[in-house]
């Protein structure tokens, strides 16, 4: 199957965890819903619709910093009306760099727009102050990995891996895993969401080594990207 590959890079990013209020904590990398929002922005959709399988590869180590910002006009944070202006502690991702893998019905349209650096709406990494321009890499053919055949093999995923597909995580020297829970899975419109997913990643962008389950819910597609590495699309 065809897979579109493109890069996202910026000086900073902020993917706010919905369970934080007075302090705005970020996820360490772009979320599933934020990525689909960006795809919709490129195509001019107010709400992204259509089949989409995406994988996220970290091309730079995960680094964050906390900063106080004045959120002028955010009256809902403290009841002060439009003039409410209180310094708010915000966690930011520093120098994020991601490689995105996309497979879905809008592939040709997205590939043409990203290649020509066209977008209907602004594209940003979680917040409007973190603008980015997607950079086209390639469109390649990848083969689906049979989970029944692969369940006894150790897979090396260059992308973030949802925990529901992991039967056993392998420990290797110089590899440091991180885990993120409660990432919103699907937007159903009107700032409402359905489902959540937990993922494992390597903090410096190295491969995640694991033995897969024979099935997963929600579904995860594993595609061969090379002789040894795979990508997880979810």
C-alpha atoms as a PDB file:
ATOM      1  CA  UNK A   1       0.000   0.000   0.000  1.00  0.00           C
ATOM      2  CA  UNK A   2       1.061   3.601  -0.606  1.00  0.00           C
ATOM      3  CA  UNK A   3       2.232   5.657   2.389  1.00  0.00           C
ATOM      4  CA  UNK A   4       2.813   9.425   2.417  1.00  0.00           C
ATOM      5  CA  UNK A   5       5.816  10.585   4.465  1.00  0.00           C
ATOM      6  CA  UNK A   6       6.301  14.204   5.552  1.00  0.00           C
ATOM      7  CA  UNK A   7       8.127  16.093   8.310  1.00  0.00           C
ATOM      8  CA  UNK A   8       6.947  18.608  10.906  1.00  0.00           C
ATOM      9  CA  UNK A   9       9.470  20.872  12.623  1.00  0.00           C
ATOM     10  CA  UNK A  10       9.299  24.069  14.677  1.00  0.00           C
ATOM     11  CA  UNK A  11      10.983  25.966  17.501  1.00  0.00           C
ATOM     12  CA  UNK A  12       8.293  24.930  19.973  1.00  0.00           C
ATOM     13  CA  UNK A  13       5.010  23.069  20.320  1.00  0.00           C
ATOM     14  CA  UNK A  14       2.232  22.685  22.868  1.00  0.00           C
ATOM     15  CA  UNK A  15      -0.226  19.780  22.877  1.00  0.00           C
ATOM     16  CA  UNK A  16      -2.253  20.507  25.972  1.00  0.00           C
ATOM     17  CA  UNK A  17      -3.408  17.675  28.181  1.00  0.00           C
ATOM     18  CA  UNK A  18      -7.184  18.116  28.656  1.00  0.00           C
ATOM     19  CA  UNK A  19      -6.993  17.156  32.346  1.00  0.00           C
ATOM     20  CA  UNK A  20      -4.954  20.276  33.233  1.00  0.00           C
ATOM     21  CA  UNK A  21      -6.471  23.702  33.947  1.00  0.00           C
ATOM     22  CA  UNK A  22      -4.480  26.197  36.003  1.00  0.00           C
ATOM     23  CA  UNK A  23      -1.203  24.740  34.675  1.00  0.00           C
ATOM     24  CA  UNK A  24      -1.134  23.770  30.987  1.00  0.00           C
ATOM     25  CA  UNK A  25       0.877  20.556  30.729  1.00  0.00           C
ATOM     26  CA  UNK A  26       1.770  19.231  27.265  1.00  0.00           C
ATOM     27  CA  UNK A  27       1.954  15.814  25.701  1.00  0.00           C
ATOM     28  CA  UNK A  28       5.564  15.127  24.581  1.00  0.00           C
ATOM     29  CA  UNK A  29       4.660  14.918  20.877  1.00  0.00           C
ATOM     30  CA  UNK A  30       1.829  15.598  18.456  1.00  0.00           C
ATOM     31  CA  UNK A  31      -1.368  13.745  19.342  1.00  0.00           C
ATOM     32  CA  UNK A  32      -3.606  11.692  17.096  1.00  0.00           C
ATOM     33  CA  UNK A  33      -6.399  14.300  17.087  1.00  0.00           C
ATOM     34  CA  UNK A  34      -4.026  17.263  16.592  1.00  0.00           C
ATOM     35  CA  UNK A  35      -2.459  15.502  13.609  1.00  0.00           C
ATOM     36  CA  UNK A  36      -5.847  14.910  12.017  1.00  0.00           C
ATOM     37  CA  UNK A  37      -6.720  18.539  12.666  1.00  0.00           C
ATOM     38  CA  UNK A  38      -3.600  19.545  10.751  1.00  0.00           C
ATOM     39  CA  UNK A  39      -4.516  17.248   7.853  1.00  0.00           C
ATOM     40  CA  UNK A  40      -7.944  18.903   7.804  1.00  0.00           C
ATOM     41  CA  UNK A  41      -6.347  22.363   7.806  1.00  0.00           C
ATOM     42  CA  UNK A  42      -4.262  21.472   4.761  1.00  0.00           C
ATOM     43  CA  UNK A  43      -7.332  20.225   2.889  1.00  0.00           C
ATOM     44  CA  UNK A  44      -9.684  22.985   4.085  1.00  0.00           C
ATOM     45  CA  UNK A  45     -11.902  20.809   6.314  1.00  0.00           C
ATOM     46  CA  UNK A  46     -13.374  22.287   9.473  1.00  0.00           C
ATOM     47  CA  UNK A  47     -13.468  18.737  10.880  1.00  0.00           C
ATOM     48  CA  UNK A  48     -11.236  16.107   9.304  1.00  0.00           C
ATOM     49  CA  UNK A  49     -13.258  13.236   7.883  1.00  0.00           C
ATOM     50  CA  UNK A  50     -12.244  10.096   6.062  1.00  0.00           C
ATOM     51  CA  UNK A  51     -10.038   7.069   6.574  1.00  0.00           C
ATOM     52  CA  UNK A  52      -6.662   7.958   8.076  1.00  0.00           C
ATOM     53  CA  UNK A  53      -3.914   5.763   9.486  1.00  0.00           C
ATOM     54  CA  UNK A  54      -0.972   7.702  10.877  1.00  0.00           C
ATOM     55  CA  UNK A  55       2.344   6.971  12.562  1.00  0.00           C
ATOM     56  CA  UNK A  56       4.658   9.367  14.409  1.00  0.00           C
ATOM     57  CA  UNK A  57       8.452   9.086  14.405  1.00  0.00           C
ATOM     58  CA  UNK A  58      10.520  11.306  16.713  1.00  0.00           C
ATOM     59  CA  UNK A  59      13.450  12.867  14.825  1.00  0.00           C
ATOM     60  CA  UNK A  60      14.687  14.836  17.848  1.00  0.00           C
ATOM     61  CA  UNK A  61      14.857  14.028  21.576  1.00  0.00           C
ATOM     62  CA  UNK A  62      11.834  14.968  23.668  1.00  0.00           C
ATOM     63  CA  UNK A  63      12.654  18.164  25.589  1.00  0.00           C
ATOM     64  CA  UNK A  64      10.246  20.410  27.460  1.00  0.00           C
ATOM     65  CA  UNK A  65      10.430  23.677  29.371  1.00  0.00           C
ATOM     66  CA  UNK A  66       7.919  25.521  31.558  1.00  0.00           C
ATOM     67  CA  UNK A  67       7.163  29.160  30.801  1.00  0.00           C
ATOM     68  CA  UNK A  68       4.723  31.729  32.160  1.00  0.00           C
ATOM     69  CA  UNK A  69       2.567  33.388  29.533  1.00  0.00           C
ATOM     70  CA  UNK A  70      -0.095  36.074  29.862  1.00  0.00           C
ATOM     71  CA  UNK A  71      -3.269  34.702  28.289  1.00  0.00           C
ATOM     72  CA  UNK A  72      -5.047  37.992  27.568  1.00  0.00           C
ATOM     73  CA  UNK A  73      -8.753  37.463  26.951  1.00  0.00           C
ATOM     74  CA  UNK A  74      -8.908  33.948  28.413  1.00  0.00           C
ATOM     75  CA  UNK A  75     -11.643  34.964  30.846  1.00  0.00           C
ATOM     76  CA  UNK A  76     -12.847  31.386  31.348  1.00  0.00           C
ATOM     77  CA  UNK A  77      -9.633  30.722  33.328  1.00  0.00           C
ATOM     78  CA  UNK A  78     -10.524  33.064  36.149  1.00  0.00           C
ATOM     79  CA  UNK A  79     -13.798  34.916  35.602  1.00  0.00           C
ATOM     80  CA  UNK A  80     -12.294  38.302  34.722  1.00  0.00           C
ATOM     81  CA  UNK A  81     -14.007  38.933  31.391  1.00  0.00           C
ATOM     82  CA  UNK A  82     -12.194  39.801  28.155  1.00  0.00           C
ATOM     83  CA  UNK A  83      -9.576  41.877  29.969  1.00  0.00           C
ATOM     84  CA  UNK A  84      -8.553  39.055  32.311  1.00  0.00           C
ATOM     85  CA  UNK A  85      -4.766  38.762  32.123  1.00  0.00           C
ATOM     86  CA  UNK A  86      -3.076  36.385  34.543  1.00  0.00           C
ATOM     87  CA  UNK A  87       0.363  34.767  34.046  1.00  0.00           C
ATOM     88  CA  UNK A  88      -0.257  31.091  33.375  1.00  0.00           C
ATOM     89  CA  UNK A  89       2.365  28.355  33.611  1.00  0.00           C
ATOM     90  CA  UNK A  90       2.598  26.489  30.295  1.00  0.00           C
ATOM     91  CA  UNK A  91       4.812  23.529  29.456  1.00  0.00           C
ATOM     92  CA  UNK A  92       6.282  23.717  25.943  1.00  0.00           C
ATOM     93  CA  UNK A  93       7.999  21.137  23.763  1.00  0.00           C
ATOM     94  CA  UNK A  94      11.334  22.559  22.595  1.00  0.00           C
ATOM     95  CA  UNK A  95      12.597  22.091  19.013  1.00  0.00           C
ATOM     96  CA  UNK A  96      10.134  19.347  18.057  1.00  0.00           C
ATOM     97  CA  UNK A  97      10.850  17.408  14.871  1.00  0.00           C
ATOM     98  CA  UNK A  98       8.513  14.629  13.729  1.00  0.00           C
ATOM     99  CA  UNK A  99       8.260  12.363  10.712  1.00  0.00           C
ATOM    100  CA  UNK A 100       4.666  11.513   9.885  1.00  0.00           C
ATOM    101  CA  UNK A 101       3.469   8.427   8.011  1.00  0.00           C
ATOM    102  CA  UNK A 102      -0.020   8.630   6.489  1.00  0.00           C
ATOM    103  CA  UNK A 103      -2.145   6.056   4.696  1.00  0.00           C
ATOM    104  CA  UNK A 104      -5.717   6.864   3.735  1.00  0.00           C
ATOM    105  CA  UNK A 105      -8.205   8.039   1.152  1.00  0.00           C
ATOM    106  CA  UNK A 106      -6.831  11.610   0.903  1.00  0.00           C
ATOM    107  CA  UNK A 107      -3.240  10.517   0.189  1.00  0.00           C
ATOM    108  CA  UNK A 108      -2.864  11.911  -3.333  1.00  0.00           C
ATOM    109  CA  UNK A 109      -4.491  15.240  -2.435  1.00  0.00           C
ATOM    110  CA  UNK A 110      -2.390  15.643   0.716  1.00  0.00           C
ATOM    111  CA  UNK A 111       0.817  14.647  -1.076  1.00  0.00           C
ATOM    112  CA  UNK A 112       0.261  17.287  -3.778  1.00  0.00           C
ATOM    113  CA  UNK A 113      -0.566  20.036  -1.256  1.00  0.00           C
ATOM    114  CA  UNK A 114       2.391  19.283   1.031  1.00  0.00           C
ATOM    115  CA  UNK A 115       4.795  18.946  -1.901  1.00  0.00           C
ATOM    116  CA  UNK A 116       3.739  22.406  -3.125  1.00  0.00           C
ATOM    117  CA  UNK A 117       3.541  23.808   0.441  1.00  0.00           C
ATOM    118  CA  UNK A 118      -0.119  24.705   0.051  1.00  0.00           C
ATOM    119  CA  UNK A 119      -2.602  24.816   2.924  1.00  0.00           C
ATOM    120  CA  UNK A 120      -6.128  26.228   3.171  1.00  0.00           C
ATOM    121  CA  UNK A 121      -5.765  27.076   6.875  1.00  0.00           C
ATOM    122  CA  UNK A 122      -2.741  27.703   9.075  1.00  0.00           C
ATOM    123  CA  UNK A 123      -0.794  24.646  10.224  1.00  0.00           C
ATOM    124  CA  UNK A 124       0.657  24.621  13.730  1.00  0.00           C
ATOM    125  CA  UNK A 125       1.884  22.220  16.403  1.00  0.00           C
ATOM    126  CA  UNK A 126      -0.944  22.232  18.919  1.00  0.00           C
ATOM    127  CA  UNK A 127      -1.257  26.002  19.506  1.00  0.00           C
ATOM    128  CA  UNK A 128      -1.514  28.958  17.143  1.00  0.00           C
ATOM    129  CA  UNK A 129       1.792  30.412  18.400  1.00  0.00           C
ATOM    130  CA  UNK A 130       3.644  27.249  17.225  1.00  0.00           C
ATOM    131  CA  UNK A 131       3.401  27.622  13.459  1.00  0.00           C
ATOM    132  CA  UNK A 132       4.948  24.985  11.214  1.00  0.00           C
ATOM    133  CA  UNK A 133       5.089  24.158   7.500  1.00  0.00           C
ATOM    134  CA  UNK A 134       4.845  20.452   6.607  1.00  0.00           C
ATOM    135  CA  UNK A 135       7.778  19.301   4.457  1.00  0.00           C
ATOM    136  CA  UNK A 136       7.226  16.615   1.832  1.00  0.00           C
ATOM    137  CA  UNK A 137       9.562  13.607   2.025  1.00  0.00           C
ATOM    138  CA  UNK A 138       8.175  10.861  -0.207  1.00  0.00           C
ATOM    139  CA  UNK A 139       5.364   8.521  -1.166  1.00  0.00           C
ATOM    140  CA  UNK A 140       6.479   4.903  -0.835  1.00  0.00           C
ATOM    141  CA  UNK A 141       5.059   1.405  -1.083  1.00  0.00           C
ATOM    142  CA  UNK A 142       4.987  -0.574   2.163  1.00  0.00           C
ATOM    143  CA  UNK A 143       3.858  -4.099   2.932  1.00  0.00           C
ATOM    144  CA  UNK A 144       1.473  -4.983   5.742  1.00  0.00           C
ATOM    145  CA  UNK A 145       3.056  -7.204   8.381  1.00  0.00           C
ATOM    146  CA  UNK A 146       0.991 -10.263   9.301  1.00  0.00           C
ATOM    147  CA  UNK A 147       0.596 -10.211  13.086  1.00  0.00           C
ATOM    148  CA  UNK A 148      -0.017 -13.956  13.209  1.00  0.00           C
ATOM    149  CA  UNK A 149       3.364 -14.526  11.553  1.00  0.00           C
ATOM    150  CA  UNK A 150       5.165 -11.747  13.479  1.00  0.00           C
ATOM    151  CA  UNK A 151       3.958 -12.507  17.019  1.00  0.00           C
ATOM    152  CA  UNK A 152       7.056 -14.634  17.742  1.00  0.00           C
ATOM    153  CA  UNK A 153       9.455 -12.060  16.280  1.00  0.00           C
ATOM    154  CA  UNK A 154      10.944  -8.984  17.900  1.00  0.00           C
ATOM    155  CA  UNK A 155       9.880  -5.947  15.892  1.00  0.00           C
ATOM    156  CA  UNK A 156      11.807  -2.667  15.770  1.00  0.00           C
ATOM    157  CA  UNK A 157       9.396   0.236  15.315  1.00  0.00           C
ATOM    158  CA  UNK A 158      10.779   3.642  14.366  1.00  0.00           C
ATOM    159  CA  UNK A 159       7.398   5.128  15.324  1.00  0.00           C
ATOM    160  CA  UNK A 160       5.443   5.583  18.544  1.00  0.00           C
ATOM    161  CA  UNK A 161       3.762   2.283  19.496  1.00  0.00           C
ATOM    162  CA  UNK A 162       0.263   1.966  21.045  1.00  0.00           C
ATOM    163  CA  UNK A 163       0.389  -0.331  24.079  1.00  0.00           C
ATOM    164  CA  UNK A 164      -2.555  -2.466  22.912  1.00  0.00           C
ATOM    165  CA  UNK A 165      -0.347  -4.029  20.200  1.00  0.00           C
ATOM    166  CA  UNK A 166       2.553  -4.806  22.575  1.00  0.00           C
ATOM    167  CA  UNK A 167       2.666  -8.320  24.011  1.00  0.00           C
ATOM    168  CA  UNK A 168       6.166  -7.902  25.454  1.00  0.00           C
ATOM    169  CA  UNK A 169       8.510  -4.912  25.501  1.00  0.00           C
ATOM    170  CA  UNK A 170      12.218  -5.714  24.998  1.00  0.00           C
ATOM    171  CA  UNK A 171      14.974  -4.002  26.983  1.00  0.00           C
ATOM    172  CA  UNK A 172      18.118  -2.995  25.063  1.00  0.00           C
ATOM    173  CA  UNK A 173      21.267  -1.080  26.096  1.00  0.00           C
ATOM    174  CA  UNK A 174      21.099   2.705  25.656  1.00  0.00           C
ATOM    175  CA  UNK A 175      17.345   2.584  25.027  1.00  0.00           C
ATOM    176  CA  UNK A 176      15.058   4.601  27.297  1.00  0.00           C
ATOM    177  CA  UNK A 177      11.321   4.140  26.954  1.00  0.00           C
ATOM    178  CA  UNK A 178       8.617   6.606  27.917  1.00  0.00           C
ATOM    179  CA  UNK A 179       4.900   5.996  28.276  1.00  0.00           C
ATOM    180  CA  UNK A 180       2.029   8.431  27.737  1.00  0.00           C
ATOM    181  CA  UNK A 181      -1.510   7.598  28.807  1.00  0.00           C
ATOM    182  CA  UNK A 182      -4.927   9.030  28.048  1.00  0.00           C
ATOM    183  CA  UNK A 183      -4.299  10.469  24.581  1.00  0.00           C
ATOM    184  CA  UNK A 184      -7.678  11.310  23.051  1.00  0.00           C
ATOM    185  CA  UNK A 185      -8.412   8.922  20.216  1.00  0.00           C
ATOM    186  CA  UNK A 186     -11.092  10.457  18.023  1.00  0.00           C
ATOM    187  CA  UNK A 187     -12.831  13.806  17.555  1.00  0.00           C
ATOM    188  CA  UNK A 188     -16.589  13.561  17.016  1.00  0.00           C
ATOM    189  CA  UNK A 189     -17.110  17.308  16.450  1.00  0.00           C
ATOM    190  CA  UNK A 190     -18.044  20.245  18.637  1.00  0.00           C
ATOM    191  CA  UNK A 191     -14.880  19.859  20.754  1.00  0.00           C
ATOM    192  CA  UNK A 192     -16.100  16.428  21.834  1.00  0.00           C
ATOM    193  CA  UNK A 193     -13.974  13.305  21.756  1.00  0.00           C
ATOM    194  CA  UNK A 194     -14.358   9.553  22.013  1.00  0.00           C
ATOM    195  CA  UNK A 195     -11.914   6.984  23.379  1.00  0.00           C
ATOM    196  CA  UNK A 196      -8.328   7.152  24.574  1.00  0.00           C
ATOM    197  CA  UNK A 197      -5.083   5.363  23.797  1.00  0.00           C
ATOM    198  CA  UNK A 198      -1.805   4.772  25.670  1.00  0.00           C
ATOM    199  CA  UNK A 199       1.522   4.704  23.833  1.00  0.00           C
ATOM    200  CA  UNK A 200       5.202   3.826  24.298  1.00  0.00           C
ATOM    201  CA  UNK A 201       8.051   5.788  22.708  1.00  0.00           C
ATOM    202  CA  UNK A 202      11.840   6.064  22.909  1.00  0.00           C
ATOM    203  CA  UNK A 203      12.765   9.460  24.366  1.00  0.00           C
ATOM    204  CA  UNK A 204      15.595  10.142  21.878  1.00  0.00           C
ATOM    205  CA  UNK A 205      13.807   8.768  18.846  1.00  0.00           C
ATOM    206  CA  UNK A 206      15.464   5.351  18.747  1.00  0.00           C
ATOM    207  CA  UNK A 207      13.404   2.285  17.720  1.00  0.00           C
ATOM    208  CA  UNK A 208      10.973   0.659  20.133  1.00  0.00           C
ATOM    209  CA  UNK A 209      11.681  -3.084  20.429  1.00  0.00           C
ATOM    210  CA  UNK A 210       8.665  -5.283  21.129  1.00  0.00           C
ATOM    211  CA  UNK A 211       6.869  -8.556  20.444  1.00  0.00           C
ATOM    212  CA  UNK A 212       3.382  -7.881  19.012  1.00  0.00           C
ATOM    213  CA  UNK A 213      -0.003  -9.301  19.886  1.00  0.00           C
ATOM    214  CA  UNK A 214      -1.916 -11.106  17.174  1.00  0.00           C
ATOM    215  CA  UNK A 215      -4.641  -8.413  17.301  1.00  0.00           C
ATOM    216  CA  UNK A 216      -5.362  -5.050  18.904  1.00  0.00           C
ATOM    217  CA  UNK A 217      -8.362  -2.870  19.714  1.00  0.00           C
ATOM    218  CA  UNK A 218      -8.394  -0.125  18.527  1.00  0.00           C
ATOM    219  CA  UNK A 219      -6.702  -1.612  15.469  1.00  0.00           C
ATOM    220  CA  UNK A 220      -3.021  -0.970  14.772  1.00  0.00           C
ATOM    221  CA  UNK A 221      -1.474  -1.528  11.342  1.00  0.00           C
ATOM    222  CA  UNK A 222       2.168  -2.565  11.217  1.00  0.00           C
ATOM    223  CA  UNK A 223       3.952  -1.914   7.924  1.00  0.00           C
ATOM    224  CA  UNK A 224       7.469  -2.920   6.911  1.00  0.00           C
ATOM    225  CA  UNK A 225       9.590   0.173   6.219  1.00  0.00           C
ATOM    226  CA  UNK A 226      12.877  -1.650   5.658  1.00  0.00           C
ATOM    227  CA  UNK A 227      14.662  -4.930   6.277  1.00  0.00           C
ATOM    228  CA  UNK A 228      14.496  -4.575  10.053  1.00  0.00           C
ATOM    229  CA  UNK A 229      12.287  -1.609  10.956  1.00  0.00           C
ATOM    230  CA  UNK A 230       8.519  -1.276  10.904  1.00  0.00           C
ATOM    231  CA  UNK A 231       6.095   1.617  11.341  1.00  0.00           C
ATOM    232  CA  UNK A 232       2.911   1.486  13.439  1.00  0.00           C
ATOM    233  CA  UNK A 233      -0.126   3.259  12.032  1.00  0.00           C
ATOM    234  CA  UNK A 234      -3.143   3.835  14.301  1.00  0.00           C
END
